[in-house]
Amino acid sequence: MSLTPFSICRIAPLLALPFLTGCTQMQLGKREEMPKVPSGVGQVSIESVTNDAEAEYGLRVAPNGQHLIFNQGSGAGRSGFLAGRSRNGGPAAIVLMELGKPGKTMLSQQGARDPAWFSDSRGFAFSMEQGSQSLLARSTVGEGIAAIQFISPTPCTAYDQSPSVSPSGAKVLFVTITKPSEAGTIALMDLKASESKCKMLFGGSTPQWAPSGSRFAFARGVNGRSQIFTFDESKNQLTQITFGDFNNFDPAWSPDGRRLVFVTTRNGNEDLYTIGEDGGSLVQITQGPTNDRSPTWSSTGDIYFVSDAGGQADIWRAQVRSR
């Protein structure tokens, strides 16, 4: 399986001791120069959301469209962004941003990663590293350490990460890995059950529930390349969405569940495209020499993503018109 450095980092465990804290306001550091702007295609306009000394990745916009939650590594730069680590070698912290307002709120210190919203736009699940293992946990914005609960007291294998919570809040999809050098397996856990048990499904990474809650999208290797699939639980149906001799990964659903935005290397660099749920109607969103990743689709129709424009991983917003 041949993946880009960033897609590999999304399925490779990062080991550090986690310490969740209460909400602490952080001041944005200013860089001396503004970065170049990622290039939109056609009727797509691109706007800057962050422009600071921190590197962001792993974005998830809240279901109500009011907040972004993501990982951040102080001063990580482009190389740290590609590796998914902060400068000191540890994984980045979880950070909250209210859209349209300045400033960020730190929700964790190093060791917590891969945040994913619950449907109430307050609760979030994440991967919490403890010793030599990585466990799934949950918390609530604004409640700090007292609200932290482990979803399972032990990992499914050794490292559980990349959670995605179903719209009903009853299930969580995630990736579990036995060894750092091995590919991940997508697993499912019932959050309403009295005893947490994981159901192993199949190989893959970055699972994302559709708004309907009946299926999910994910990436997996096919002939040495990463491709995007969907799986319909009710029909037990696996469908390949993308094809080609290049990597396609990091899928995220549109609010109506009819399209997916994803990252592709078909043009050399990592660009954003959208595609229909059936694999048709491919539309390019970004282009050019930058690498654009971590797309997440807002309820307003805007697509938020991270770009390494200017050599730093910042958050941008793509406004897609007439698409």
C-alpha atoms as a PDB file:
ATOM      1  CA  MET A   1       0.000   0.000   0.000  1.00  0.00           C
ATOM      2  CA  SER A   2       1.576   3.281  -1.125  1.00  0.00           C
ATOM      3  CA  LEU A   3       0.349   6.393   0.638  1.00  0.00           C
ATOM      4  CA  THR A   4       1.482   9.989   0.968  1.00  0.00           C
ATOM      5  CA  PRO A   5       3.311  10.897   4.193  1.00  0.00           C
ATOM      6  CA  PHE A   6       0.205  12.628   5.513  1.00  0.00           C
ATOM      7  CA  SER A   7      -2.150   9.714   4.854  1.00  0.00           C
ATOM      8  CA  ILE A   8       0.320   7.384   6.533  1.00  0.00           C
ATOM      9  CA  CYS A   9       0.463   9.604   9.609  1.00  0.00           C
ATOM     10  CA  ARG A  10      -3.318   9.408   9.910  1.00  0.00           C
ATOM     11  CA  ILE A  11      -3.154   5.650  10.490  1.00  0.00           C
ATOM     12  CA  ALA A  12       0.129   5.450  12.429  1.00  0.00           C
ATOM     13  CA  PRO A  13      -0.073   5.697  16.263  1.00  0.00           C
ATOM     14  CA  LEU A  14       1.797   8.506  17.966  1.00  0.00           C
ATOM     15  CA  LEU A  15       2.911   7.717  21.510  1.00  0.00           C
ATOM     16  CA  ALA A  16       2.848  10.281  24.323  1.00  0.00           C
ATOM     17  CA  LEU A  17       1.269  10.738  27.746  1.00  0.00           C
ATOM     18  CA  PRO A  18      -2.092  12.549  27.592  1.00  0.00           C
ATOM     19  CA  PHE A  19      -3.248  15.169  30.076  1.00  0.00           C
ATOM     20  CA  LEU A  20      -6.661  16.710  29.379  1.00  0.00           C
ATOM     21  CA  THR A  21      -7.115  20.165  30.811  1.00  0.00           C
ATOM     22  CA  GLY A  22      -9.935  22.623  31.263  1.00  0.00           C
ATOM     23  CA  CYS A  23     -10.547  25.184  28.548  1.00  0.00           C
ATOM     24  CA  THR A  24      -7.675  27.696  28.315  1.00  0.00           C
ATOM     25  CA  GLN A  25      -7.719  30.642  25.918  1.00  0.00           C
ATOM     26  CA  MET A  26      -4.693  30.808  23.618  1.00  0.00           C
ATOM     27  CA  GLN A  27      -3.333  33.874  21.841  1.00  0.00           C
ATOM     28  CA  LEU A  28      -2.587  33.498  18.152  1.00  0.00           C
ATOM     29  CA  GLY A  29       1.067  34.010  17.233  1.00  0.00           C
ATOM     30  CA  LYS A  30       1.705  36.194  14.185  1.00  0.00           C
ATOM     31  CA  ARG A  31       4.031  35.293  11.361  1.00  0.00           C
ATOM     32  CA  GLU A  32       6.117  37.922   9.649  1.00  0.00           C
ATOM     33  CA  GLU A  33       4.812  37.126   6.166  1.00  0.00           C
ATOM     34  CA  MET A  34       1.379  36.222   4.874  1.00  0.00           C
ATOM     35  CA  PRO A  35       1.333  32.861   3.086  1.00  0.00           C
ATOM     36  CA  LYS A  36       0.412  32.420  -0.534  1.00  0.00           C
ATOM     37  CA  VAL A  37      -3.225  31.518  -0.986  1.00  0.00           C
ATOM     38  CA  PRO A  38      -4.305  28.040  -2.128  1.00  0.00           C
ATOM     39  CA  SER A  39      -5.866  28.241  -5.565  1.00  0.00           C
ATOM     40  CA  GLY A  40      -9.557  27.499  -6.074  1.00  0.00           C
ATOM     41  CA  VAL A  41     -10.984  26.173  -9.330  1.00  0.00           C
ATOM     42  CA  GLY A  42     -13.725  27.922 -11.306  1.00  0.00           C
ATOM     43  CA  GLN A  43     -16.359  29.433  -9.013  1.00  0.00           C
ATOM     44  CA  VAL A  44     -14.516  28.382  -5.837  1.00  0.00           C
ATOM     45  CA  SER A  45     -13.265  31.254  -3.665  1.00  0.00           C
ATOM     46  CA  ILE A  46     -10.653  30.666  -0.933  1.00  0.00           C
ATOM     47  CA  GLU A  47     -10.472  32.600   2.342  1.00  0.00           C
ATOM     48  CA  SER A  48      -7.991  32.414   5.201  1.00  0.00           C
ATOM     49  CA  VAL A  49      -9.254  31.233   8.602  1.00  0.00           C
ATOM     50  CA  THR A  50      -5.966  31.045  10.533  1.00  0.00           C
ATOM     51  CA  ASN A  51      -2.587  32.644   9.898  1.00  0.00           C
ATOM     52  CA  ASP A  52      -0.404  31.961  12.908  1.00  0.00           C
ATOM     53  CA  ALA A  53       2.684  30.152  14.114  1.00  0.00           C
ATOM     54  CA  GLU A  54       0.848  26.929  14.927  1.00  0.00           C
ATOM     55  CA  ALA A  55       0.306  24.019  12.541  1.00  0.00           C
ATOM     56  CA  GLU A  56      -3.236  22.610  12.361  1.00  0.00           C
ATOM     57  CA  TYR A  57      -4.552  19.310  11.033  1.00  0.00           C
ATOM     58  CA  GLY A  58      -7.421  16.846  11.492  1.00  0.00           C
ATOM     59  CA  LEU A  59     -10.278  19.367  11.143  1.00  0.00           C
ATOM     60  CA  ARG A  60     -13.884  18.592  12.022  1.00  0.00           C
ATOM     61  CA  VAL A  61     -16.600  21.232  11.742  1.00  0.00           C
ATOM     62  CA  ALA A  62     -19.419  20.976  14.305  1.00  0.00           C
ATOM     63  CA  PRO A  63     -22.812  19.744  13.039  1.00  0.00           C
ATOM     64  CA  ASN A  64     -24.315  23.160  13.867  1.00  0.00           C
ATOM     65  CA  GLY A  65     -21.644  24.873  11.767  1.00  0.00           C
ATOM     66  CA  GLN A  66     -20.478  27.143  14.595  1.00  0.00           C
ATOM     67  CA  HIS A  67     -17.169  25.602  15.682  1.00  0.00           C
ATOM     68  CA  LEU A  68     -14.095  23.814  14.362  1.00  0.00           C
ATOM     69  CA  ILE A  69     -12.244  21.227  16.427  1.00  0.00           C
ATOM     70  CA  PHE A  70      -8.797  20.078  15.363  1.00  0.00           C
ATOM     71  CA  ASN A  71      -5.257  19.126  16.361  1.00  0.00           C
ATOM     72  CA  GLN A  72      -2.564  21.755  16.679  1.00  0.00           C
ATOM     73  CA  GLY A  73       1.201  21.598  17.068  1.00  0.00           C
ATOM     74  CA  SER A  74       3.004  24.770  18.100  1.00  0.00           C
ATOM     75  CA  GLY A  75       5.628  25.771  15.549  1.00  0.00           C
ATOM     76  CA  ALA A  76       5.440  22.406  13.798  1.00  0.00           C
ATOM     77  CA  GLY A  77       5.969  23.862  10.343  1.00  0.00           C
ATOM     78  CA  ARG A  78       5.456  21.930   7.131  1.00  0.00           C
ATOM     79  CA  SER A  79       7.582  18.931   8.141  1.00  0.00           C
ATOM     80  CA  GLY A  80       5.749  18.600  11.448  1.00  0.00           C
ATOM     81  CA  PHE A  81       2.430  18.855   9.651  1.00  0.00           C
ATOM     82  CA  LEU A  82       3.378  16.047   7.281  1.00  0.00           C
ATOM     83  CA  ALA A  83       4.388  13.871  10.223  1.00  0.00           C
ATOM     84  CA  GLY A  84       1.404  14.818  12.379  1.00  0.00           C
ATOM     85  CA  ARG A  85       3.647  15.846  15.258  1.00  0.00           C
ATOM     86  CA  SER A  86       4.564  19.007  17.079  1.00  0.00           C
ATOM     87  CA  ARG A  87       8.149  20.241  17.111  1.00  0.00           C
ATOM     88  CA  ASN A  88       9.124  18.414  20.311  1.00  0.00           C
ATOM     89  CA  GLY A  89       8.147  15.047  18.807  1.00  0.00           C
ATOM     90  CA  GLY A  90       4.803  14.577  20.544  1.00  0.00           C
ATOM     91  CA  PRO A  91       1.364  14.622  18.957  1.00  0.00           C
ATOM     92  CA  ALA A  92      -0.506  17.899  18.853  1.00  0.00           C
ATOM     93  CA  ALA A  93      -3.191  19.054  21.279  1.00  0.00           C
ATOM     94  CA  ILE A  94      -6.938  19.332  20.601  1.00  0.00           C
ATOM     95  CA  VAL A  95      -8.097  22.897  19.988  1.00  0.00           C
ATOM     96  CA  LEU A  96     -11.504  24.554  19.515  1.00  0.00           C
ATOM     97  CA  MET A  97     -12.261  27.605  17.381  1.00  0.00           C
ATOM     98  CA  GLU A  98     -15.526  29.498  17.127  1.00  0.00           C
ATOM     99  CA  LEU A  99     -15.998  30.364  13.469  1.00  0.00           C
ATOM    100  CA  GLY A 100     -16.080  34.061  12.713  1.00  0.00           C
ATOM    101  CA  LYS A 101     -14.368  35.017  15.975  1.00  0.00           C
ATOM    102  CA  PRO A 102     -10.679  35.450  16.845  1.00  0.00           C
ATOM    103  CA  GLY A 103      -8.785  33.217  19.230  1.00  0.00           C
ATOM    104  CA  LYS A 104      -8.675  29.521  20.032  1.00  0.00           C
ATOM    105  CA  THR A 105      -9.557  27.420  23.069  1.00  0.00           C
ATOM    106  CA  MET A 106      -7.236  24.593  24.067  1.00  0.00           C
ATOM    107  CA  LEU A 107      -9.164  21.470  25.073  1.00  0.00           C
ATOM    108  CA  SER A 108      -6.192  19.220  25.795  1.00  0.00           C
ATOM    109  CA  GLN A 109      -2.462  19.046  26.160  1.00  0.00           C
ATOM    110  CA  GLN A 110      -0.332  16.711  24.081  1.00  0.00           C
ATOM    111  CA  GLY A 111      -1.467  13.110  23.872  1.00  0.00           C
ATOM    112  CA  ALA A 112      -5.071  13.570  22.715  1.00  0.00           C
ATOM    113  CA  ARG A 113      -5.795  13.520  18.997  1.00  0.00           C
ATOM    114  CA  ASP A 114      -8.292  12.754  16.215  1.00  0.00           C
ATOM    115  CA  PRO A 115     -11.293  14.684  17.645  1.00  0.00           C
ATOM    116  CA  ALA A 116     -14.754  13.883  16.276  1.00  0.00           C
ATOM    117  CA  TRP A 117     -18.056  15.566  17.160  1.00  0.00           C
ATOM    118  CA  PHE A 118     -21.191  14.094  18.653  1.00  0.00           C
ATOM    119  CA  SER A 119     -24.378  15.345  16.976  1.00  0.00           C
ATOM    120  CA  ASP A 120     -25.124  17.845  19.780  1.00  0.00           C
ATOM    121  CA  SER A 121     -22.045  19.893  18.738  1.00  0.00           C
ATOM    122  CA  ARG A 122     -20.828  19.854  22.366  1.00  0.00           C
ATOM    123  CA  GLY A 123     -19.561  16.362  23.020  1.00  0.00           C
ATOM    124  CA  PHE A 124     -16.558  14.982  21.174  1.00  0.00           C
ATOM    125  CA  ALA A 125     -14.708  11.680  20.961  1.00  0.00           C
ATOM    126  CA  PHE A 126     -10.956  11.397  20.543  1.00  0.00           C
ATOM    127  CA  SER A 127      -7.980   9.091  20.829  1.00  0.00           C
ATOM    128  CA  MET A 128      -6.170   9.371  24.159  1.00  0.00           C
ATOM    129  CA  GLU A 129      -2.715   7.893  24.508  1.00  0.00           C
ATOM    130  CA  GLN A 130      -1.929   6.222  27.785  1.00  0.00           C
ATOM    131  CA  GLY A 131       1.417   4.584  28.273  1.00  0.00           C
ATOM    132  CA  SER A 132       2.049   2.222  25.359  1.00  0.00           C
ATOM    133  CA  GLN A 133      -1.609   2.136  24.296  1.00  0.00           C
ATOM    134  CA  SER A 134      -4.127   4.416  22.671  1.00  0.00           C
ATOM    135  CA  LEU A 135      -7.730   4.396  23.935  1.00  0.00           C
ATOM    136  CA  LEU A 136     -10.954   6.041  22.789  1.00  0.00           C
ATOM    137  CA  ALA A 137     -12.320   8.685  25.136  1.00  0.00           C
ATOM    138  CA  ARG A 138     -15.033  11.326  25.151  1.00  0.00           C
ATOM    139  CA  SER A 139     -15.492  14.759  26.693  1.00  0.00           C
ATOM    140  CA  THR A 140     -17.669  17.860  26.440  1.00  0.00           C
ATOM    141  CA  VAL A 141     -16.651  21.337  25.351  1.00  0.00           C
ATOM    142  CA  GLY A 142     -16.376  23.612  28.402  1.00  0.00           C
ATOM    143  CA  GLU A 143     -16.400  20.926  31.077  1.00  0.00           C
ATOM    144  CA  GLY A 144     -12.686  20.088  31.202  1.00  0.00           C
ATOM    145  CA  ILE A 145     -11.114  17.098  32.873  1.00  0.00           C
ATOM    146  CA  ALA A 146     -14.163  16.198  34.976  1.00  0.00           C
ATOM    147  CA  ALA A 147     -16.092  15.298  31.823  1.00  0.00           C
ATOM    148  CA  ILE A 148     -13.526  12.854  30.410  1.00  0.00           C
ATOM    149  CA  GLN A 149     -14.735   9.276  30.085  1.00  0.00           C
ATOM    150  CA  PHE A 150     -13.058   6.333  28.449  1.00  0.00           C
ATOM    151  CA  ILE A 151     -15.307   4.769  25.836  1.00  0.00           C
ATOM    152  CA  SER A 152     -13.587   1.455  26.512  1.00  0.00           C
ATOM    153  CA  PRO A 153     -11.254   0.588  29.422  1.00  0.00           C
ATOM    154  CA  THR A 154      -8.928  -1.283  27.065  1.00  0.00           C
ATOM    155  CA  PRO A 155      -8.107  -0.830  23.377  1.00  0.00           C
ATOM    156  CA  CYS A 156      -9.589  -3.108  20.744  1.00  0.00           C
ATOM    157  CA  THR A 157      -6.050  -4.216  19.871  1.00  0.00           C
ATOM    158  CA  ALA A 158      -3.273  -1.853  20.965  1.00  0.00           C
ATOM    159  CA  TYR A 159      -3.969   1.532  19.395  1.00  0.00           C
ATOM    160  CA  ASP A 160      -7.522   2.813  18.819  1.00  0.00           C
ATOM    161  CA  GLN A 161      -7.765   6.075  16.877  1.00  0.00           C
ATOM    162  CA  SER A 162      -9.607   8.117  14.206  1.00  0.00           C
ATOM    163  CA  PRO A 163     -13.096   7.854  15.773  1.00  0.00           C
ATOM    164  CA  SER A 164     -16.298   8.841  13.991  1.00  0.00           C
ATOM    165  CA  VAL A 165     -19.536   8.992  15.990  1.00  0.00           C
ATOM    166  CA  SER A 166     -22.810   7.998  14.316  1.00  0.00           C
ATOM    167  CA  PRO A 167     -25.482  10.731  13.972  1.00  0.00           C
ATOM    168  CA  SER A 168     -27.620   8.953  16.596  1.00  0.00           C
ATOM    169  CA  GLY A 169     -24.704   8.849  19.025  1.00  0.00           C
ATOM    170  CA  ALA A 170     -25.210   5.107  19.476  1.00  0.00           C
ATOM    171  CA  LYS A 171     -22.133   3.830  17.638  1.00  0.00           C
ATOM    172  CA  VAL A 172     -18.543   4.799  17.033  1.00  0.00           C
ATOM    173  CA  LEU A 173     -16.365   3.755  14.127  1.00  0.00           C
ATOM    174  CA  PHE A 174     -12.614   3.841  14.579  1.00  0.00           C
ATOM    175  CA  VAL A 175      -9.317   2.404  13.390  1.00  0.00           C
ATOM    176  CA  THR A 176      -7.471  -0.106  15.535  1.00  0.00           C
ATOM    177  CA  ILE A 177      -3.829  -1.080  15.028  1.00  0.00           C
ATOM    178  CA  THR A 178      -1.881  -3.930  16.589  1.00  0.00           C
ATOM    179  CA  LYS A 179       1.614  -2.664  15.772  1.00  0.00           C
ATOM    180  CA  PRO A 180       2.874   0.712  14.503  1.00  0.00           C
ATOM    181  CA  SER A 181       4.214  -0.930  11.345  1.00  0.00           C
ATOM    182  CA  GLU A 182       0.904  -2.617  10.458  1.00  0.00           C
ATOM    183  CA  ALA A 183      -2.081  -1.291   8.520  1.00  0.00           C
ATOM    184  CA  GLY A 184      -5.213  -0.470  10.477  1.00  0.00           C
ATOM    185  CA  THR A 185      -8.524  -2.301  10.749  1.00  0.00           C
ATOM    186  CA  ILE A 186     -11.844  -0.456  10.939  1.00  0.00           C
ATOM    187  CA  ALA A 187     -13.854  -1.480  13.994  1.00  0.00           C
ATOM    188  CA  LEU A 188     -17.310  -0.662  15.368  1.00  0.00           C
ATOM    189  CA  MET A 189     -18.418  -0.214  18.973  1.00  0.00           C
ATOM    190  CA  ASP A 190     -21.911   0.168  20.461  1.00  0.00           C
ATOM    191  CA  LEU A 191     -21.849   3.141  22.837  1.00  0.00           C
ATOM    192  CA  LYS A 192     -25.224   2.213  24.355  1.00  0.00           C
ATOM    193  CA  ALA A 193     -24.236  -1.318  25.359  1.00  0.00           C
ATOM    194  CA  SER A 194     -23.559  -2.034  29.021  1.00  0.00           C
ATOM    195  CA  GLU A 195     -20.220  -3.583  28.090  1.00  0.00           C
ATOM    196  CA  SER A 196     -18.008  -2.055  25.420  1.00  0.00           C
ATOM    197  CA  LYS A 197     -17.128  -4.612  22.772  1.00  0.00           C
ATOM    198  CA  CYS A 198     -15.494  -3.901  19.449  1.00  0.00           C
ATOM    199  CA  LYS A 199     -16.596  -5.542  16.233  1.00  0.00           C
ATOM    200  CA  MET A 200     -13.767  -5.877  13.735  1.00  0.00           C
ATOM    201  CA  LEU A 201     -14.909  -5.054  10.195  1.00  0.00           C
ATOM    202  CA  PHE A 202     -12.149  -4.835   7.546  1.00  0.00           C
ATOM    203  CA  GLY A 203      -8.933  -3.043   6.673  1.00  0.00           C
ATOM    204  CA  GLY A 204      -9.044   0.687   6.134  1.00  0.00           C
ATOM    205  CA  SER A 205      -8.468   4.167   7.546  1.00  0.00           C
ATOM    206  CA  THR A 206     -10.311   7.425   8.368  1.00  0.00           C
ATOM    207  CA  PRO A 207     -13.902   6.078   8.533  1.00  0.00           C
ATOM    208  CA  GLN A 208     -16.624   8.747   8.392  1.00  0.00           C
ATOM    209  CA  TRP A 209     -20.330   8.195   9.041  1.00  0.00           C
ATOM    210  CA  ALA A 210     -22.764   9.521   6.448  1.00  0.00           C
ATOM    211  CA  PRO A 211     -25.476  11.905   7.738  1.00  0.00           C
ATOM    212  CA  SER A 212     -28.036   9.100   7.363  1.00  0.00           C
ATOM    213  CA  GLY A 213     -26.113   6.879   9.779  1.00  0.00           C
ATOM    214  CA  SER A 214     -26.707   3.816   7.598  1.00  0.00           C
ATOM    215  CA  ARG A 215     -23.328   3.809   5.848  1.00  0.00           C
ATOM    216  CA  PHE A 216     -19.850   5.233   6.072  1.00  0.00           C
ATOM    217  CA  ALA A 217     -16.942   6.230   3.840  1.00  0.00           C
ATOM    218  CA  PHE A 218     -13.316   5.252   4.356  1.00  0.00           C
ATOM    219  CA  ALA A 219     -10.009   4.746   2.543  1.00  0.00           C
ATOM    220  CA  ARG A 220      -8.193   1.460   1.907  1.00  0.00           C
ATOM    221  CA  GLY A 221      -5.366   0.169  -0.240  1.00  0.00           C
ATOM    222  CA  VAL A 222      -6.030  -1.239  -3.714  1.00  0.00           C
ATOM    223  CA  ASN A 223      -3.099  -2.354  -5.866  1.00  0.00           C
ATOM    224  CA  GLY A 224      -0.663  -0.177  -4.000  1.00  0.00           C
ATOM    225  CA  ARG A 225      -2.868   2.925  -4.009  1.00  0.00           C
ATOM    226  CA  SER A 226      -5.318   4.377  -1.496  1.00  0.00           C
ATOM    227  CA  GLN A 227      -8.925   4.481  -2.731  1.00  0.00           C
ATOM    228  CA  ILE A 228     -12.219   5.605  -1.201  1.00  0.00           C
ATOM    229  CA  PHE A 229     -15.053   3.189  -0.479  1.00  0.00           C
ATOM    230  CA  THR A 230     -18.458   3.307   1.134  1.00  0.00           C
ATOM    231  CA  PHE A 231     -20.026   0.537   3.207  1.00  0.00           C
ATOM    232  CA  ASP A 232     -23.781   0.207   3.694  1.00  0.00           C
ATOM    233  CA  GLU A 233     -24.432  -1.613   6.972  1.00  0.00           C
ATOM    234  CA  SER A 234     -28.083  -2.390   6.241  1.00  0.00           C
ATOM    235  CA  LYS A 235     -27.235  -4.017   2.903  1.00  0.00           C
ATOM    236  CA  ASN A 236     -23.786  -5.312   3.868  1.00  0.00           C
ATOM    237  CA  GLN A 237     -22.650  -3.658   0.633  1.00  0.00           C
ATOM    238  CA  LEU A 238     -19.129  -2.427  -0.087  1.00  0.00           C
ATOM    239  CA  THR A 239     -18.759   0.059  -2.971  1.00  0.00           C
ATOM    240  CA  GLN A 240     -15.545   1.464  -4.417  1.00  0.00           C
ATOM    241  CA  ILE A 241     -15.966   5.178  -5.193  1.00  0.00           C
ATOM    242  CA  THR A 242     -12.570   6.269  -6.581  1.00  0.00           C
ATOM    243  CA  PHE A 243     -10.165   4.645  -9.016  1.00  0.00           C
ATOM    244  CA  GLY A 244      -6.850   5.446 -10.700  1.00  0.00           C
ATOM    245  CA  ASP A 245      -3.096   5.100 -10.365  1.00  0.00           C
ATOM    246  CA  PHE A 246      -2.860   7.744  -7.625  1.00  0.00           C
ATOM    247  CA  ASN A 247      -3.939   8.099  -4.010  1.00  0.00           C
ATOM    248  CA  ASN A 248      -7.421   9.170  -2.897  1.00  0.00           C
ATOM    249  CA  PHE A 249      -8.027   9.501   0.835  1.00  0.00           C
ATOM    250  CA  ASP A 250      -9.466  11.474   3.767  1.00  0.00           C
ATOM    251  CA  PRO A 251     -13.166  11.477   2.738  1.00  0.00           C
ATOM    252  CA  ALA A 252     -15.803  13.698   4.378  1.00  0.00           C
ATOM    253  CA  TRP A 253     -19.540  13.838   3.622  1.00  0.00           C
ATOM    254  CA  SER A 254     -21.588  16.789   2.422  1.00  0.00           C
ATOM    255  CA  PRO A 255     -24.407  17.806   4.805  1.00  0.00           C
ATOM    256  CA  ASP A 256     -27.046  16.127   2.611  1.00  0.00           C
ATOM    257  CA  GLY A 257     -25.018  12.923   2.239  1.00  0.00           C
ATOM    258  CA  ARG A 258     -25.023  13.096  -1.552  1.00  0.00           C
ATOM    259  CA  ARG A 259     -21.363  13.969  -2.111  1.00  0.00           C
ATOM    260  CA  LEU A 260     -17.927  13.414  -0.620  1.00  0.00           C
ATOM    261  CA  VAL A 261     -14.968  15.775  -0.467  1.00  0.00           C
ATOM    262  CA  PHE A 262     -11.572  14.074  -0.426  1.00  0.00           C
ATOM    263  CA  VAL A 263      -7.849  14.478  -1.047  1.00  0.00           C
ATOM    264  CA  THR A 264      -6.262  13.190  -4.248  1.00  0.00           C
ATOM    265  CA  THR A 265      -2.747  13.137  -5.714  1.00  0.00           C
ATOM    266  CA  ARG A 266      -3.933  12.810  -9.338  1.00  0.00           C
ATOM    267  CA  ASN A 267      -2.273  16.124 -10.249  1.00  0.00           C
ATOM    268  CA  GLY A 268       0.981  15.497  -8.395  1.00  0.00           C
ATOM    269  CA  ASN A 269       0.263  17.575  -5.313  1.00  0.00           C
ATOM    270  CA  GLU A 270      -2.587  16.933  -2.903  1.00  0.00           C
ATOM    271  CA  ASP A 271      -5.756  18.673  -4.125  1.00  0.00           C
ATOM    272  CA  LEU A 272      -9.359  18.617  -2.967  1.00  0.00           C
ATOM    273  CA  TYR A 273     -12.119  17.193  -5.148  1.00  0.00           C
ATOM    274  CA  THR A 274     -15.749  16.332  -4.551  1.00  0.00           C
ATOM    275  CA  ILE A 275     -17.507  13.294  -5.972  1.00  0.00           C
ATOM    276  CA  GLY A 276     -21.048  11.955  -6.020  1.00  0.00           C
ATOM    277  CA  GLU A 277     -22.052   9.219  -3.594  1.00  0.00           C
ATOM    278  CA  ASP A 278     -22.179   6.803  -6.540  1.00  0.00           C
ATOM    279  CA  GLY A 279     -18.707   7.738  -7.809  1.00  0.00           C
ATOM    280  CA  GLY A 280     -19.905  10.108 -10.529  1.00  0.00           C
ATOM    281  CA  SER A 281     -19.773  13.885 -11.074  1.00  0.00           C
ATOM    282  CA  LEU A 282     -16.154  14.573 -10.106  1.00  0.00           C
ATOM    283  CA  VAL A 283     -15.473  18.254  -9.339  1.00  0.00           C
ATOM    284  CA  GLN A 284     -12.084  19.832  -8.612  1.00  0.00           C
ATOM    285  CA  ILE A 285     -12.019  22.306  -5.712  1.00  0.00           C
ATOM    286  CA  THR A 286      -8.340  23.290  -5.278  1.00  0.00           C
ATOM    287  CA  GLN A 287      -5.313  23.259  -7.563  1.00  0.00           C
ATOM    288  CA  GLY A 288      -1.703  24.361  -7.751  1.00  0.00           C
ATOM    289  CA  PRO A 289       1.581  23.595  -5.926  1.00  0.00           C
ATOM    290  CA  THR A 290       0.168  23.536  -2.384  1.00  0.00           C
ATOM    291  CA  ASN A 291      -0.896  20.404  -0.496  1.00  0.00           C
ATOM    292  CA  ASP A 292      -4.473  20.681   0.741  1.00  0.00           C
ATOM    293  CA  ARG A 293      -5.748  18.186   3.323  1.00  0.00           C
ATOM    294  CA  SER A 294      -8.147  17.435   6.188  1.00  0.00           C
ATOM    295  CA  PRO A 295     -11.335  18.582   4.408  1.00  0.00           C
ATOM    296  CA  THR A 296     -14.538  18.918   6.418  1.00  0.00           C
ATOM    297  CA  TRP A 297     -17.878  20.060   5.020  1.00  0.00           C
ATOM    298  CA  SER A 298     -19.891  22.654   6.955  1.00  0.00           C
ATOM    299  CA  SER A 299     -23.684  22.720   7.229  1.00  0.00           C
ATOM    300  CA  THR A 300     -23.489  26.074   5.394  1.00  0.00           C
ATOM    301  CA  GLY A 301     -21.964  24.335   2.358  1.00  0.00           C
ATOM    302  CA  ASP A 302     -18.444  25.698   2.876  1.00  0.00           C
ATOM    303  CA  ILE A 303     -15.481  23.314   2.914  1.00  0.00           C
ATOM    304  CA  TYR A 304     -12.817  23.909   5.553  1.00  0.00           C
ATOM    305  CA  PHE A 305      -9.382  22.403   5.014  1.00  0.00           C
ATOM    306  CA  VAL A 306      -5.693  22.706   5.883  1.00  0.00           C
ATOM    307  CA  SER A 307      -3.092  23.854   3.353  1.00  0.00           C
ATOM    308  CA  ASP A 308       0.686  24.116   3.568  1.00  0.00           C
ATOM    309  CA  ALA A 309       0.635  27.348   1.543  1.00  0.00           C
ATOM    310  CA  GLY A 310       3.571  29.478   2.618  1.00  0.00           C
ATOM    311  CA  GLY A 311       5.261  26.521   4.294  1.00  0.00           C
ATOM    312  CA  GLN A 312       2.904  26.431   7.286  1.00  0.00           C
ATOM    313  CA  ALA A 313      -0.232  24.376   7.933  1.00  0.00           C
ATOM    314  CA  ASP A 314      -3.102  26.838   8.273  1.00  0.00           C
ATOM    315  CA  ILE A 315      -6.880  26.530   8.016  1.00  0.00           C
ATOM    316  CA  TRP A 316      -8.693  27.835   4.942  1.00  0.00           C
ATOM    317  CA  ARG A 317     -12.301  27.976   3.791  1.00  0.00           C
ATOM    318  CA  ALA A 318     -13.484  27.145   0.285  1.00  0.00           C
ATOM    319  CA  GLN A 319     -16.777  28.714  -0.717  1.00  0.00           C
ATOM    320  CA  VAL A 320     -18.198  26.605  -3.498  1.00  0.00           C
ATOM    321  CA  ARG A 321     -20.632  28.436  -5.761  1.00  0.00           C
ATOM    322  CA  SER A 322     -22.918  26.914  -8.363  1.00  0.00           C
ATOM    323  CA  ARG A 323     -21.690  23.378  -7.821  1.00  0.00           C
END
